[in-house]
C-alpha atoms as a PDB file:
ATOM      1  CA  UNK A   1     233.812 179.597 117.522  1.00  0.00           C
ATOM      2  CA  UNK A   2     235.881 182.442 119.180  1.00  0.00           C
ATOM      3  CA  UNK A   3     233.031 182.898 121.601  1.00  0.00           C
ATOM      4  CA  UNK A   4     233.275 179.417 122.944  1.00  0.00           C
ATOM      5  CA  UNK A   5     237.081 179.482 123.012  1.00  0.00           C
ATOM      6  CA  UNK A   6     236.744 182.534 125.185  1.00  0.00           C
ATOM      7  CA  UNK A   7     234.141 181.036 127.472  1.00  0.00           C
ATOM      8  CA  UNK A   8     236.678 178.227 128.357  1.00  0.00           C
ATOM      9  CA  UNK A   9     239.105 181.152 129.784  1.00  0.00           C
ATOM     10  CA  UNK A  10     238.069 181.456 133.486  1.00  0.00           C
ATOM     11  CA  UNK A  11     237.291 184.849 135.044  1.00  0.00           C
ATOM     12  CA  UNK A  12     240.108 186.312 137.259  1.00  0.00           C
ATOM     13  CA  UNK A  13     239.202 186.137 140.872  1.00  0.00           C
ATOM     14  CA  UNK A  14     237.974 189.387 142.134  1.00  0.00           C
ATOM     15  CA  UNK A  15     240.700 189.404 145.022  1.00  0.00           C
ATOM     16  CA  UNK A  16     243.221 189.764 142.342  1.00  0.00           C
ATOM     17  CA  UNK A  17     242.449 193.182 141.003  1.00  0.00           C
ATOM     18  CA  UNK A  18     240.602 196.340 141.827  1.00  0.00           C
ATOM     19  CA  UNK A  19     238.342 198.645 139.797  1.00  0.00           C
ATOM     20  CA  UNK A  20     238.131 202.286 140.364  1.00  0.00           C
ATOM     21  CA  UNK A  21     235.449 204.419 138.627  1.00  0.00           C
ATOM     22  CA  UNK A  22     235.981 207.974 137.415  1.00  0.00           C
ATOM     23  CA  UNK A  23     232.580 209.078 136.497  1.00  0.00           C
ATOM     24  CA  UNK A  24     232.631 212.754 135.708  1.00  0.00           C
ATOM     25  CA  UNK A  25     230.792 215.170 133.526  1.00  0.00           C
ATOM     26  CA  UNK A  26     232.626 216.536 130.552  1.00  0.00           C
ATOM     27  CA  UNK A  27     231.799 219.081 127.732  1.00  0.00           C
ATOM     28  CA  UNK A  28     231.303 217.338 124.496  1.00  0.00           C
ATOM     29  CA  UNK A  29     232.850 219.235 121.811  1.00  0.00           C
ATOM     30  CA  UNK A  30     230.160 220.499 119.047  1.00  0.00           C
ATOM     31  CA  UNK A  31     232.230 218.591 116.204  1.00  0.00           C
ATOM     32  CA  UNK A  32     232.515 215.255 118.040  1.00  0.00           C
ATOM     33  CA  UNK A  33     231.579 212.523 115.822  1.00  0.00           C
ATOM     34  CA  UNK A  34     232.451 208.944 115.087  1.00  0.00           C
ATOM     35  CA  UNK A  35     231.908 206.348 112.309  1.00  0.00           C
ATOM     36  CA  UNK A  36     229.064 203.853 112.801  1.00  0.00           C
ATOM     37  CA  UNK A  37     228.899 200.664 110.725  1.00  0.00           C
ATOM     38  CA  UNK A  38     225.322 200.079 109.414  1.00  0.00           C
ATOM     39  CA  UNK A  39     224.647 197.171 107.278  1.00  0.00           C
ATOM     40  CA  UNK A  40     228.318 196.763 106.564  1.00  0.00           C
ATOM     41  CA  UNK A  41     228.911 200.362 105.402  1.00  0.00           C
ATOM     42  CA  UNK A  42     230.733 202.969 107.683  1.00  0.00           C
ATOM     43  CA  UNK A  43     228.725 206.174 107.932  1.00  0.00           C
ATOM     44  CA  UNK A  44     229.525 209.446 109.930  1.00  0.00           C
ATOM     45  CA  UNK A  45     227.483 209.765 112.923  1.00  0.00           C
ATOM     46  CA  UNK A  46     227.072 212.990 114.839  1.00  0.00           C
ATOM     47  CA  UNK A  47     225.528 212.661 118.451  1.00  0.00           C
ATOM     48  CA  UNK A  48     222.902 215.339 118.550  1.00  0.00           C
ATOM     49  CA  UNK A  49     223.762 215.588 122.426  1.00  0.00           C
ATOM     50  CA  UNK A  50     225.956 218.445 123.013  1.00  0.00           C
ATOM     51  CA  UNK A  51     226.817 220.167 126.319  1.00  0.00           C
ATOM     52  CA  UNK A  52     227.936 218.380 129.628  1.00  0.00           C
ATOM     53  CA  UNK A  53     227.492 214.884 129.544  1.00  0.00           C
ATOM     54  CA  UNK A  54     228.423 211.964 131.791  1.00  0.00           C
ATOM     55  CA  UNK A  55     231.781 210.449 130.977  1.00  0.00           C
ATOM     56  CA  UNK A  56     233.154 207.120 132.311  1.00  0.00           C
ATOM     57  CA  UNK A  57     236.729 206.143 132.652  1.00  0.00           C
ATOM     58  CA  UNK A  58     237.945 203.209 134.856  1.00  0.00           C
ATOM     59  CA  UNK A  59     241.327 202.290 136.309  1.00  0.00           C
ATOM     60  CA  UNK A  60     241.882 198.362 136.723  1.00  0.00           C
ATOM     61  CA  UNK A  61     244.704 197.698 139.210  1.00  0.00           C
ATOM     62  CA  UNK A  62     246.175 194.349 139.116  1.00  0.00           C
ATOM     63  CA  UNK A  63     246.961 193.324 142.743  1.00  0.00           C
ATOM     64  CA  UNK A  64     247.826 189.730 141.915  1.00  0.00           C
ATOM     65  CA  UNK A  65     249.210 188.455 138.634  1.00  0.00           C
ATOM     66  CA  UNK A  66     247.902 185.036 139.365  1.00  0.00           C
ATOM     67  CA  UNK A  67     250.739 183.373 137.342  1.00  0.00           C
ATOM     68  CA  UNK A  68     250.328 185.867 134.387  1.00  0.00           C
ATOM     69  CA  UNK A  69     253.053 187.725 132.805  1.00  0.00           C
ATOM     70  CA  UNK A  70     251.172 189.880 130.234  1.00  0.00           C
ATOM     71  CA  UNK A  71     247.674 191.349 129.768  1.00  0.00           C
ATOM     72  CA  UNK A  72     246.029 192.489 126.625  1.00  0.00           C
ATOM     73  CA  UNK A  73     243.071 194.787 126.277  1.00  0.00           C
ATOM     74  CA  UNK A  74     240.342 194.387 123.578  1.00  0.00           C
ATOM     75  CA  UNK A  75     236.876 195.776 123.111  1.00  0.00           C
ATOM     76  CA  UNK A  76     233.976 194.452 121.292  1.00  0.00           C
ATOM     77  CA  UNK A  77     235.026 197.260 118.421  1.00  0.00           C
ATOM     78  CA  UNK A  78     238.677 196.597 118.371  1.00  0.00           C
ATOM     79  CA  UNK A  79     240.520 193.430 118.306  1.00  0.00           C
ATOM     80  CA  UNK A  80     243.770 194.914 120.187  1.00  0.00           C
ATOM     81  CA  UNK A  81     243.883 198.168 122.213  1.00  0.00           C
ATOM     82  CA  UNK A  82     247.241 197.319 123.553  1.00  0.00           C
ATOM     83  CA  UNK A  83     249.097 194.789 125.989  1.00  0.00           C
ATOM     84  CA  UNK A  84     251.469 195.135 128.852  1.00  0.00           C
ATOM     85  CA  UNK A  85     253.845 193.032 130.859  1.00  0.00           C
ATOM     86  CA  UNK A  86     252.544 192.655 134.526  1.00  0.00           C
ATOM     87  CA  UNK A  87     254.484 194.374 137.063  1.00  0.00           C
ATOM     88  CA  UNK A  88     253.412 194.928 140.752  1.00  0.00           C
ATOM     89  CA  UNK A  89     250.530 197.104 141.045  1.00  0.00           C
ATOM     90  CA  UNK A  90     249.947 197.615 137.271  1.00  0.00           C
ATOM     91  CA  UNK A  91     247.135 200.138 136.583  1.00  0.00           C
ATOM     92  CA  UNK A  92     245.322 199.658 133.220  1.00  0.00           C
ATOM     93  CA  UNK A  93     243.078 202.698 132.137  1.00  0.00           C
ATOM     94  CA  UNK A  94     239.938 201.695 130.360  1.00  0.00           C
ATOM     95  CA  UNK A  95     237.958 204.627 128.805  1.00  0.00           C
ATOM     96  CA  UNK A  96     234.476 204.093 127.987  1.00  0.00           C
ATOM     97  CA  UNK A  97     233.774 207.605 127.228  1.00  0.00           C
ATOM     98  CA  UNK A  98     230.336 209.241 127.075  1.00  0.00           C
ATOM     99  CA  UNK A  99     227.845 207.029 128.588  1.00  0.00           C
ATOM    100  CA  UNK A 100     225.000 207.976 126.410  1.00  0.00           C
ATOM    101  CA  UNK A 101     227.171 206.865 123.370  1.00  0.00           C
ATOM    102  CA  UNK A 102     227.926 203.386 125.219  1.00  0.00           C
ATOM    103  CA  UNK A 103     224.445 202.642 126.072  1.00  0.00           C
ATOM    104  CA  UNK A 104     223.333 203.548 122.337  1.00  0.00           C
ATOM    105  CA  UNK A 105     226.146 201.276 121.056  1.00  0.00           C
ATOM    106  CA  UNK A 106     227.896 204.021 119.124  1.00  0.00           C
ATOM    107  CA  UNK A 107     231.230 203.373 120.997  1.00  0.00           C
ATOM    108  CA  UNK A 108     232.416 200.037 122.622  1.00  0.00           C
ATOM    109  CA  UNK A 109     230.402 198.781 125.379  1.00  0.00           C
ATOM    110  CA  UNK A 110     232.425 195.774 126.325  1.00  0.00           C
ATOM    111  CA  UNK A 111     236.101 195.555 127.215  1.00  0.00           C
ATOM    112  CA  UNK A 112     238.032 192.336 127.963  1.00  0.00           C
ATOM    113  CA  UNK A 113     241.525 192.162 129.714  1.00  0.00           C
ATOM    114  CA  UNK A 114     242.991 188.753 128.902  1.00  0.00           C
ATOM    115  CA  UNK A 115     245.958 187.470 130.912  1.00  0.00           C
ATOM    116  CA  UNK A 116     248.524 185.292 129.398  1.00  0.00           C
ATOM    117  CA  UNK A 117     251.145 183.077 130.936  1.00  0.00           C
ATOM    118  CA  UNK A 118     254.854 183.236 129.898  1.00  0.00           C
ATOM    119  CA  UNK A 119     254.389 180.651 127.278  1.00  0.00           C
ATOM    120  CA  UNK A 120     251.136 182.844 125.715  1.00  0.00           C
ATOM    121  CA  UNK A 121     248.542 180.639 127.117  1.00  0.00           C
ATOM    122  CA  UNK A 122     245.244 182.361 128.258  1.00  0.00           C
ATOM    123  CA  UNK A 123     244.823 181.930 131.862  1.00  0.00           C
ATOM    124  CA  UNK A 124     242.260 184.342 132.943  1.00  0.00           C
ATOM    125  CA  UNK A 125     240.305 187.331 132.023  1.00  0.00           C
ATOM    126  CA  UNK A 126     238.125 190.313 133.158  1.00  0.00           C
ATOM    127  CA  UNK A 127     235.042 191.220 131.339  1.00  0.00           C
ATOM    128  CA  UNK A 128     233.815 194.907 131.547  1.00  0.00           C
ATOM    129  CA  UNK A 129     230.162 195.219 130.187  1.00  0.00           C
ATOM    130  CA  UNK A 130     227.774 198.043 130.158  1.00  0.00           C
ATOM    131  CA  UNK A 131     224.079 196.871 129.069  1.00  0.00           C
ATOM    132  CA  UNK A 132     221.597 199.021 127.082  1.00  0.00           C
ATOM    133  CA  UNK A 133     220.103 200.383 130.210  1.00  0.00           C
ATOM    134  CA  UNK A 134     223.560 201.210 131.710  1.00  0.00           C
ATOM    135  CA  UNK A 135     223.791 198.389 134.075  1.00  0.00           C
ATOM    136  CA  UNK A 136     227.607 197.885 134.887  1.00  0.00           C
ATOM    137  CA  UNK A 137     228.691 194.092 134.903  1.00  0.00           C
ATOM    138  CA  UNK A 138     232.124 192.827 135.839  1.00  0.00           C
ATOM    139  CA  UNK A 139     232.650 189.112 135.045  1.00  0.00           C
ATOM    140  CA  UNK A 140     228.844 188.476 135.197  1.00  0.00           C
ATOM    141  CA  UNK A 141     228.365 190.297 138.504  1.00  0.00           C
ATOM    142  CA  UNK A 142     226.186 193.516 138.419  1.00  0.00           C
ATOM    143  CA  UNK A 143     228.328 196.423 140.143  1.00  0.00           C
ATOM    144  CA  UNK A 144     225.782 199.294 139.506  1.00  0.00           C
ATOM    145  CA  UNK A 145     224.236 201.392 136.795  1.00  0.00           C
ATOM    146  CA  UNK A 146     225.233 204.527 134.918  1.00  0.00           C
END
């Protein structure tokens, strides 16, 4: 039911925002681990990959509010990562993290920025998605591959 409701919210026009990609290589700490939910139970997962690995951060700059007064960031693993009032040239950081973890679904692979009007009505959204093969998709449009 929630999915069909979100599909009714239109994508934000690409002229109203800009995405900057910061793709770099970072050293993964040997003790880096995360919780993975398997069959409804949380288990400690230690990624075997160590050393220098590709790491992805995005900056989404709002060029035109398009009638929105607030924006909320969520991921497929967290209901709310924060919300901000929209001001001129607002920049919202989106940290995907190590791309190997994203492709393996150990960490979030989808982020949604939902834009709200003054009366809390959802008016538009930006969907950032990385597929299993590393394809980067923004609002259904392929933008590259990691």
